[in-house]
PDB file of all heavy atoms in Angstrom:
ATOM      1  N   ASP A   1    -133.160-246.618  23.880  1.00  0.00           N
ATOM      2  CA  ASP A   1    -132.244-247.732  23.662  1.00  0.00           C
ATOM      3  C   ASP A   1    -132.494-248.469  22.356  1.00  0.00           C
ATOM      4  O   ASP A   1    -132.112-249.623  22.191  1.00  0.00           O
ATOM      5  CB  ASP A   1    -132.281-248.724  24.837  1.00  0.00           C
ATOM      6  CG  ASP A   1    -130.940-249.440  24.997  1.00  0.00           C
ATOM      7  OD1 ASP A   1    -129.904-248.773  24.905  1.00  0.00           O
ATOM      8  OD2 ASP A   1    -130.937-250.661  25.193  1.00  0.00           O
ATOM      9  N   ASN A   2    -133.109-247.799  21.395  1.00  0.00           N
ATOM     10  CA  ASN A   2    -133.247-248.376  20.060  1.00  0.00           C
ATOM     11  C   ASN A   2    -132.023-248.018  19.222  1.00  0.00           C
ATOM     12  O   ASN A   2    -131.481-246.914  19.336  1.00  0.00           O
ATOM     13  CB  ASN A   2    -134.508-247.840  19.367  1.00  0.00           C
ATOM     14  CG  ASN A   2    -135.769-248.185  20.119  1.00  0.00           C
ATOM     15  OD1 ASN A   2    -135.992-249.345  20.458  1.00  0.00           O
ATOM     16  ND2 ASN A   2    -136.599-247.194  20.384  1.00  0.00           N
ATOM     17  N   ILE A   3    -131.595-248.940  18.368  1.00  0.00           N
ATOM     18  CA  ILE A   3    -130.485-248.664  17.455  1.00  0.00           C
ATOM     19  C   ILE A   3    -131.010-247.888  16.261  1.00  0.00           C
ATOM     20  O   ILE A   3    -132.063-248.196  15.702  1.00  0.00           O
ATOM     21  CB  ILE A   3    -129.831-249.979  17.006  1.00  0.00           C
ATOM     22  CG1 ILE A   3    -129.194-250.683  18.214  1.00  0.00           C
ATOM     23  CG2 ILE A   3    -128.791-249.739  15.929  1.00  0.00           C
ATOM     24  CD1 ILE A   3    -128.630-252.040  17.907  1.00  0.00           C
ATOM     25  N   VAL A   4    -130.277-246.839  15.859  1.00  0.00           N
ATOM     26  CA  VAL A   4    -130.714-245.926  14.801  1.00  0.00           C
ATOM     27  C   VAL A   4    -129.814-246.118  13.582  1.00  0.00           C
ATOM     28  O   VAL A   4    -128.588-246.171  13.702  1.00  0.00           O
ATOM     29  CB  VAL A   4    -130.646-244.464  15.287  1.00  0.00           C
ATOM     30  CG1 VAL A   4    -131.161-243.517  14.216  1.00  0.00           C
ATOM     31  CG2 VAL A   4    -131.456-244.299  16.577  1.00  0.00           C
ATOM     32  N   ASP A   5    -130.413-246.219  12.414  1.00  0.00           N
ATOM     33  CA  ASP A   5    -129.647-246.400  11.188  1.00  0.00           C
ATOM     34  C   ASP A   5    -129.014-245.085  10.731  1.00  0.00           C
ATOM     35  O   ASP A   5    -129.456-243.988  11.091  1.00  0.00           O
ATOM     36  CB  ASP A   5    -130.548-246.946  10.076  1.00  0.00           C
ATOM     37  CG  ASP A   5    -131.007-248.368  10.351  1.00  0.00           C
ATOM     38  OD1 ASP A   5    -130.249-249.110  11.020  1.00  0.00           O
ATOM     39  OD2 ASP A   5    -132.107-248.738   9.911  1.00  0.00           O
ATOM     40  N   GLU A   6    -127.990-245.219   9.918  1.00  0.00           N
ATOM     41  CA  GLU A   6    -127.261-244.073   9.379  1.00  0.00           C
ATOM     42  C   GLU A   6    -128.209-243.121   8.655  1.00  0.00           C
ATOM     43  O   GLU A   6    -129.053-243.523   7.855  1.00  0.00           O
ATOM     44  CB  GLU A   6    -126.184-244.584   8.403  1.00  0.00           C
ATOM     45  CG  GLU A   6    -125.355-243.515   7.736  1.00  0.00           C
ATOM     46  CD  GLU A   6    -124.287-242.935   8.647  1.00  0.00           C
ATOM     47  OE1 GLU A   6    -124.121-243.432   9.769  1.00  0.00           O
ATOM     48  OE2 GLU A   6    -123.616-241.976   8.236  1.00  0.00           O
ATOM     49  N   GLY A   7    -128.075-241.812   8.958  1.00  0.00           N
ATOM     50  CA  GLY A   7    -128.838-240.781   8.259  1.00  0.00           C
ATOM     51  C   GLY A   7    -130.198-240.467   8.844  1.00  0.00           C
ATOM     52  O   GLY A   7    -130.862-239.539   8.384  1.00  0.00           O
ATOM     53  N   TYR A   8    -130.621-241.222   9.867  1.00  0.00           N
ATOM     54  CA  TYR A   8    -131.948-241.003  10.437  1.00  0.00           C
ATOM     55  C   TYR A   8    -131.887-240.014  11.603  1.00  0.00           C
ATOM     56  O   TYR A   8    -130.870-239.882  12.277  1.00  0.00           O
ATOM     57  CB  TYR A   8    -132.554-242.327  10.909  1.00  0.00           C
ATOM     58  CG  TYR A   8    -133.152-243.141   9.796  1.00  0.00           C
ATOM     59  CD1 TYR A   8    -132.333-243.834   8.905  1.00  0.00           C
ATOM     60  CD2 TYR A   8    -134.528-243.226   9.613  1.00  0.00           C
ATOM     61  CE1 TYR A   8    -132.875-244.585   7.868  1.00  0.00           C
ATOM     62  CE2 TYR A   8    -135.081-243.981   8.588  1.00  0.00           C
ATOM     63  CZ  TYR A   8    -134.241-244.657   7.722  1.00  0.00           C
ATOM     64  OH  TYR A   8    -134.785-245.399   6.691  1.00  0.00           O
ATOM     65  N   TYR A   9    -133.025-239.348  11.849  1.00  0.00           N
ATOM     66  CA  TYR A   9    -133.152-238.454  12.995  1.00  0.00           C
ATOM     67  C   TYR A   9    -133.440-239.267  14.250  1.00  0.00           C
ATOM     68  O   TYR A   9    -134.145-240.277  14.194  1.00  0.00           O
ATOM     69  CB  TYR A   9    -134.286-237.447  12.787  1.00  0.00           C
ATOM     70  CG  TYR A   9    -134.012-236.443  11.691  1.00  0.00           C
ATOM     71  CD1 TYR A   9    -134.686-236.522  10.488  1.00  0.00           C
ATOM     72  CD2 TYR A   9    -133.080-235.420  11.876  1.00  0.00           C
ATOM     73  CE1 TYR A   9    -134.449-235.608   9.466  1.00  0.00           C
ATOM     74  CE2 TYR A   9    -132.833-234.505  10.872  1.00  0.00           C
ATOM     75  CZ  TYR A   9    -133.521-234.609   9.664  1.00  0.00           C
ATOM     76  OH  TYR A   9    -133.269-233.700   8.667  1.00  0.00           O
ATOM     77  N   PHE A  10    -132.930-238.808  15.394  1.00  0.00           N
ATOM     78  CA  PHE A  10    -133.191-239.511  16.648  1.00  0.00           C
ATOM     79  C   PHE A  10    -132.851-238.588  17.818  1.00  0.00           C
ATOM     80  O   PHE A  10    -132.177-237.572  17.663  1.00  0.00           O
ATOM     81  CB  PHE A  10    -132.365-240.802  16.737  1.00  0.00           C
ATOM     82  CG  PHE A  10    -130.891-240.586  16.999  1.00  0.00           C
ATOM     83  CD1 PHE A  10    -130.328-240.930  18.219  1.00  0.00           C
ATOM     84  CD2 PHE A  10    -130.066-240.031  16.029  1.00  0.00           C
ATOM     85  CE1 PHE A  10    -128.981-240.741  18.471  1.00  0.00           C
ATOM     86  CE2 PHE A  10    -128.716-239.845  16.264  1.00  0.00           C
ATOM     87  CZ  PHE A  10    -128.169-240.195  17.484  1.00  0.00           C
ATOM     88  N   THR A  11    -133.339-238.971  18.995  1.00  0.00           N
ATOM     89  CA  THR A  11    -132.969-238.300  20.244  1.00  0.00           C
ATOM     90  C   THR A  11    -131.953-239.177  20.958  1.00  0.00           C
ATOM     91  O   THR A  11    -132.262-240.295  21.349  1.00  0.00           O
ATOM     92  CB  THR A  11    -134.201-238.092  21.139  1.00  0.00           C
ATOM     93  OG1 THR A  11    -135.126-237.237  20.471  1.00  0.00           O
ATOM     94  CG2 THR A  11    -133.803-237.461  22.467  1.00  0.00           C
ATOM     95  N   PRO A  12    -130.700-238.712  21.100  1.00  0.00           N
ATOM     96  CA  PRO A  12    -129.674-239.568  21.689  1.00  0.00           C
ATOM     97  C   PRO A  12    -129.876-239.818  23.172  1.00  0.00           C
ATOM     98  O   PRO A  12    -130.537-239.029  23.862  1.00  0.00           O
ATOM     99  CB  PRO A  12    -128.370-238.794  21.449  1.00  0.00           C
ATOM    100  CG  PRO A  12    -128.741-237.473  20.913  1.00  0.00           C
ATOM    101  CD  PRO A  12    -130.212-237.397  20.722  1.00  0.00           C
ATOM    102  N   LYS A  13    -129.292-240.931  23.657  1.00  0.00           N
ATOM    103  CA  LYS A  13    -129.266-241.153  25.099  1.00  0.00           C
ATOM    104  C   LYS A  13    -128.408-240.061  25.716  1.00  0.00           C
ATOM    105  O   LYS A  13    -127.344-239.737  25.219  1.00  0.00           O
ATOM    106  CB  LYS A  13    -128.670-242.523  25.413  1.00  0.00           C
ATOM    107  CG  LYS A  13    -129.549-243.673  24.962  1.00  0.00           C
ATOM    108  CD  LYS A  13    -128.973-245.005  25.374  1.00  0.00           C
ATOM    109  CE  LYS A  13    -129.293-245.312  26.812  1.00  0.00           C
ATOM    110  NZ  LYS A  13    -130.715-245.629  27.017  1.00  0.00           N
ATOM    111  N   GLY A  14    -128.876-239.491  26.795  1.00  0.00           N
ATOM    112  CA  GLY A  14    -128.168-238.387  27.425  1.00  0.00           C
ATOM    113  C   GLY A  14    -129.074-237.729  28.437  1.00  0.00           C
ATOM    114  O   GLY A  14    -129.885-238.377  29.088  1.00  0.00           O
ATOM    115  N   ASN A  15    -128.985-236.425  28.541  1.00  0.00           N
ATOM    116  CA  ASN A  15    -129.765-235.743  29.567  1.00  0.00           C
ATOM    117  C   ASN A  15    -130.756-234.747  28.985  1.00  0.00           C
ATOM    118  O   ASN A  15    -131.263-233.900  29.696  1.00  0.00           O
ATOM    119  CB  ASN A  15    -128.816-235.025  30.543  1.00  0.00           C
ATOM    120  CG  ASN A  15    -127.896-234.041  29.811  1.00  0.00           C
ATOM    121  OD1 ASN A  15    -127.959-233.922  28.590  1.00  0.00           O
ATOM    122  ND2 ASN A  15    -127.064-233.360  30.568  1.00  0.00           N
ATOM    123  N   ASP A  16    -131.055-234.841  27.682  1.00  0.00           N
ATOM    124  CA  ASP A  16    -131.975-233.883  27.077  1.00  0.00           C
ATOM    125  C   ASP A  16    -132.919-234.602  26.120  1.00  0.00           C
ATOM    126  O   ASP A  16    -132.544-234.942  25.002  1.00  0.00           O
ATOM    127  CB  ASP A  16    -131.196-232.803  26.326  1.00  0.00           C
ATOM    128  CG  ASP A  16    -132.103-231.659  25.872  1.00  0.00           C
ATOM    129  OD1 ASP A  16    -133.335-231.804  25.972  1.00  0.00           O
ATOM    130  OD2 ASP A  16    -131.568-230.633  25.418  1.00  0.00           O
ATOM    131  N   PRO A  17    -134.184-234.836  26.539  1.00  0.00           N
ATOM    132  CA  PRO A  17    -135.122-235.524  25.659  1.00  0.00           C
ATOM    133  C   PRO A  17    -135.664-234.640  24.540  1.00  0.00           C
ATOM    134  O   PRO A  17    -136.465-235.107  23.734  1.00  0.00           O
ATOM    135  CB  PRO A  17    -136.244-235.939  26.622  1.00  0.00           C
ATOM    136  CG  PRO A  17    -136.222-234.898  27.679  1.00  0.00           C
ATOM    137  CD  PRO A  17    -134.777-234.520  27.855  1.00  0.00           C
ATOM    138  N   CYS A  18    -135.246-233.384  24.491  1.00  0.00           N
ATOM    139  CA  CYS A  18    -135.747-232.461  23.474  1.00  0.00           C
ATOM    140  C   CYS A  18    -134.743-232.223  22.348  1.00  0.00           C
ATOM    141  O   CYS A  18    -134.845-231.246  21.616  1.00  0.00           O
ATOM    142  CB  CYS A  18    -136.140-231.129  24.113  1.00  0.00           C
ATOM    143  SG  CYS A  18    -137.632-231.232  25.130  1.00  0.00           S
ATOM    144  N   LEU A  19    -133.745-233.099  22.230  1.00  0.00           N
ATOM    145  CA  LEU A  19    -132.793-232.997  21.132  1.00  0.00           C
ATOM    146  C   LEU A  19    -133.254-233.853  19.959  1.00  0.00           C
ATOM    147  O   LEU A  19    -133.779-234.943  20.131  1.00  0.00           O
ATOM    148  CB  LEU A  19    -131.412-233.485  21.556  1.00  0.00           C
ATOM    149  CG  LEU A  19    -130.520-232.536  22.351  1.00  0.00           C
ATOM    150  CD1 LEU A  19    -129.198-233.223  22.641  1.00  0.00           C
ATOM    151  CD2 LEU A  19    -130.278-231.244  21.595  1.00  0.00           C
ATOM    152  N   SER A  20    -133.021-233.359  18.760  1.00  0.00           N
ATOM    153  CA  SER A  20    -133.208-234.141  17.554  1.00  0.00           C
ATOM    154  C   SER A  20    -131.918-234.041  16.749  1.00  0.00           C
ATOM    155  O   SER A  20    -131.485-232.943  16.399  1.00  0.00           O
ATOM    156  CB  SER A  20    -134.392-233.620  16.736  1.00  0.00           C
ATOM    157  OG  SER A  20    -134.548-234.386  15.555  1.00  0.00           O
ATOM    158  N   CYS A  21    -131.284-235.198  16.510  1.00  0.00           N
ATOM    159  CA  CYS A  21    -129.983-235.234  15.849  1.00  0.00           C
ATOM    160  C   CYS A  21    -130.044-236.153  14.638  1.00  0.00           C
ATOM    161  O   CYS A  21    -130.955-236.959  14.487  1.00  0.00           O
ATOM    162  CB  CYS A  21    -128.894-235.725  16.800  1.00  0.00           C
ATOM    163  SG  CYS A  21    -128.749-234.803  18.345  1.00  0.00           S
ATOM    164  N   THR A  22    -129.037-236.044  13.793  1.00  0.00           N
ATOM    165  CA  THR A  22    -128.873-236.947  12.667  1.00  0.00           C
ATOM    166  C   THR A  22    -127.777-237.944  12.994  1.00  0.00           C
ATOM    167  O   THR A  22    -126.726-237.574  13.510  1.00  0.00           O
ATOM    168  CB  THR A  22    -128.502-236.162  11.393  1.00  0.00           C
ATOM    169  OG1 THR A  22    -129.501-235.191  11.125  1.00  0.00           O
ATOM    170  CG2 THR A  22    -128.380-237.109  10.197  1.00  0.00           C
ATOM    171  N   CYS A  23    -128.009-239.221  12.718  1.00  0.00           N
ATOM    172  CA  CYS A  23    -127.002-240.251  12.959  1.00  0.00           C
ATOM    173  C   CYS A  23    -126.003-240.262  11.807  1.00  0.00           C
ATOM    174  O   CYS A  23    -126.373-240.450  10.645  1.00  0.00           O
ATOM    175  CB  CYS A  23    -127.672-241.622  13.082  1.00  0.00           C
ATOM    176  SG  CYS A  23    -126.498-242.972  13.349  1.00  0.00           S
ATOM    177  N   HIS A  24    -124.717-240.063  12.131  1.00  0.00           N
ATOM    178  CA  HIS A  24    -123.661-240.080  11.120  1.00  0.00           C
ATOM    179  C   HIS A  24    -122.440-240.797  11.681  1.00  0.00           C
ATOM    180  O   HIS A  24    -121.844-240.350  12.657  1.00  0.00           O
ATOM    181  CB  HIS A  24    -123.284-238.650  10.705  1.00  0.00           C
ATOM    182  CG  HIS A  24    -122.179-238.582   9.696  1.00  0.00           C
ATOM    183  ND1 HIS A  24    -122.297-239.108   8.433  1.00  0.00           N
ATOM    184  CD2 HIS A  24    -120.923-238.060   9.773  1.00  0.00           C
ATOM    185  CE1 HIS A  24    -121.171-238.914   7.769  1.00  0.00           C
ATOM    186  NE2 HIS A  24    -120.318-238.285   8.562  1.00  0.00           N
ATOM    187  N   ASN A  25    -122.095-241.936  11.087  1.00  0.00           N
ATOM    188  CA  ASN A  25    -120.948-242.735  11.531  1.00  0.00           C
ATOM    189  C   ASN A  25    -121.016-243.068  13.029  1.00  0.00           C
ATOM    190  O   ASN A  25    -120.016-242.996  13.739  1.00  0.00           O
ATOM    191  CB  ASN A  25    -119.635-242.015  11.221  1.00  0.00           C
ATOM    192  CG  ASN A  25    -119.339-241.981   9.733  1.00  0.00           C
ATOM    193  OD1 ASN A  25    -119.833-242.815   8.976  1.00  0.00           O
ATOM    194  ND2 ASN A  25    -118.539-241.011   9.313  1.00  0.00           N
ATOM    195  N   GLY A  26    -122.202-243.384  13.502  1.00  0.00           N
ATOM    196  CA  GLY A  26    -122.362-243.752  14.901  1.00  0.00           C
ATOM    197  C   GLY A  26    -122.343-242.601  15.873  1.00  0.00           C
ATOM    198  O   GLY A  26    -122.317-242.804  17.079  1.00  0.00           O
ATOM    199  N   GLU A  27    -122.370-241.369  15.361  1.00  0.00           N
ATOM    200  CA  GLU A  27    -122.339-240.186  16.224  1.00  0.00           C
ATOM    201  C   GLU A  27    -123.555-239.311  15.931  1.00  0.00           C
ATOM    202  O   GLU A  27    -123.989-239.207  14.784  1.00  0.00           O
ATOM    203  CB  GLU A  27    -121.069-239.357  15.971  1.00  0.00           C
ATOM    204  CG  GLU A  27    -119.773-240.062  16.279  1.00  0.00           C
ATOM    205  CD  GLU A  27    -119.386-239.941  17.731  1.00  0.00           C
ATOM    206  OE1 GLU A  27    -120.185-239.379  18.504  1.00  0.00           O
ATOM    207  OE2 GLU A  27    -118.296-240.404  18.085  1.00  0.00           O
ATOM    208  N   PRO A  28    -124.124-238.659  16.979  1.00  0.00           N
ATOM    209  CA  PRO A  28    -125.190-237.689  16.734  1.00  0.00           C
ATOM    210  C   PRO A  28    -124.601-236.378  16.233  1.00  0.00           C
ATOM    211  O   PRO A  28    -123.694-235.822  16.847  1.00  0.00           O
ATOM    212  CB  PRO A  28    -125.846-237.527  18.114  1.00  0.00           C
ATOM    213  CG  PRO A  28    -124.810-237.958  19.092  1.00  0.00           C
ATOM    214  CD  PRO A  28    -123.854-238.873  18.395  1.00  0.00           C
ATOM    215  N   GLU A  29    -125.105-235.898  15.113  1.00  0.00           N
ATOM    216  CA  GLU A  29    -124.604-234.644  14.544  1.00  0.00           C
ATOM    217  C   GLU A  29    -125.788-233.760  14.157  1.00  0.00           C
ATOM    218  O   GLU A  29    -126.918-234.206  14.041  1.00  0.00           O
ATOM    219  CB  GLU A  29    -123.729-234.920  13.317  1.00  0.00           C
ATOM    220  CG  GLU A  29    -122.420-235.632  13.650  1.00  0.00           C
ATOM    221  CD  GLU A  29    -121.472-235.702  12.465  1.00  0.00           C
ATOM    222  OE1 GLU A  29    -121.883-235.312  11.357  1.00  0.00           O
ATOM    223  OE2 GLU A  29    -120.328-236.144  12.663  1.00  0.00           O
TER     224      GLU A  29
END
C-alpha cells in the first residue's frame, strides 16, 4: 500500500507477490 513514483519498479497490489513492474501513468507495465 505504498504509493510508487513514475518510472520506478514495484510489486502491484494483486494476487502475485513475485511480480516486478514499472510504474507508467499510474499503471503497472
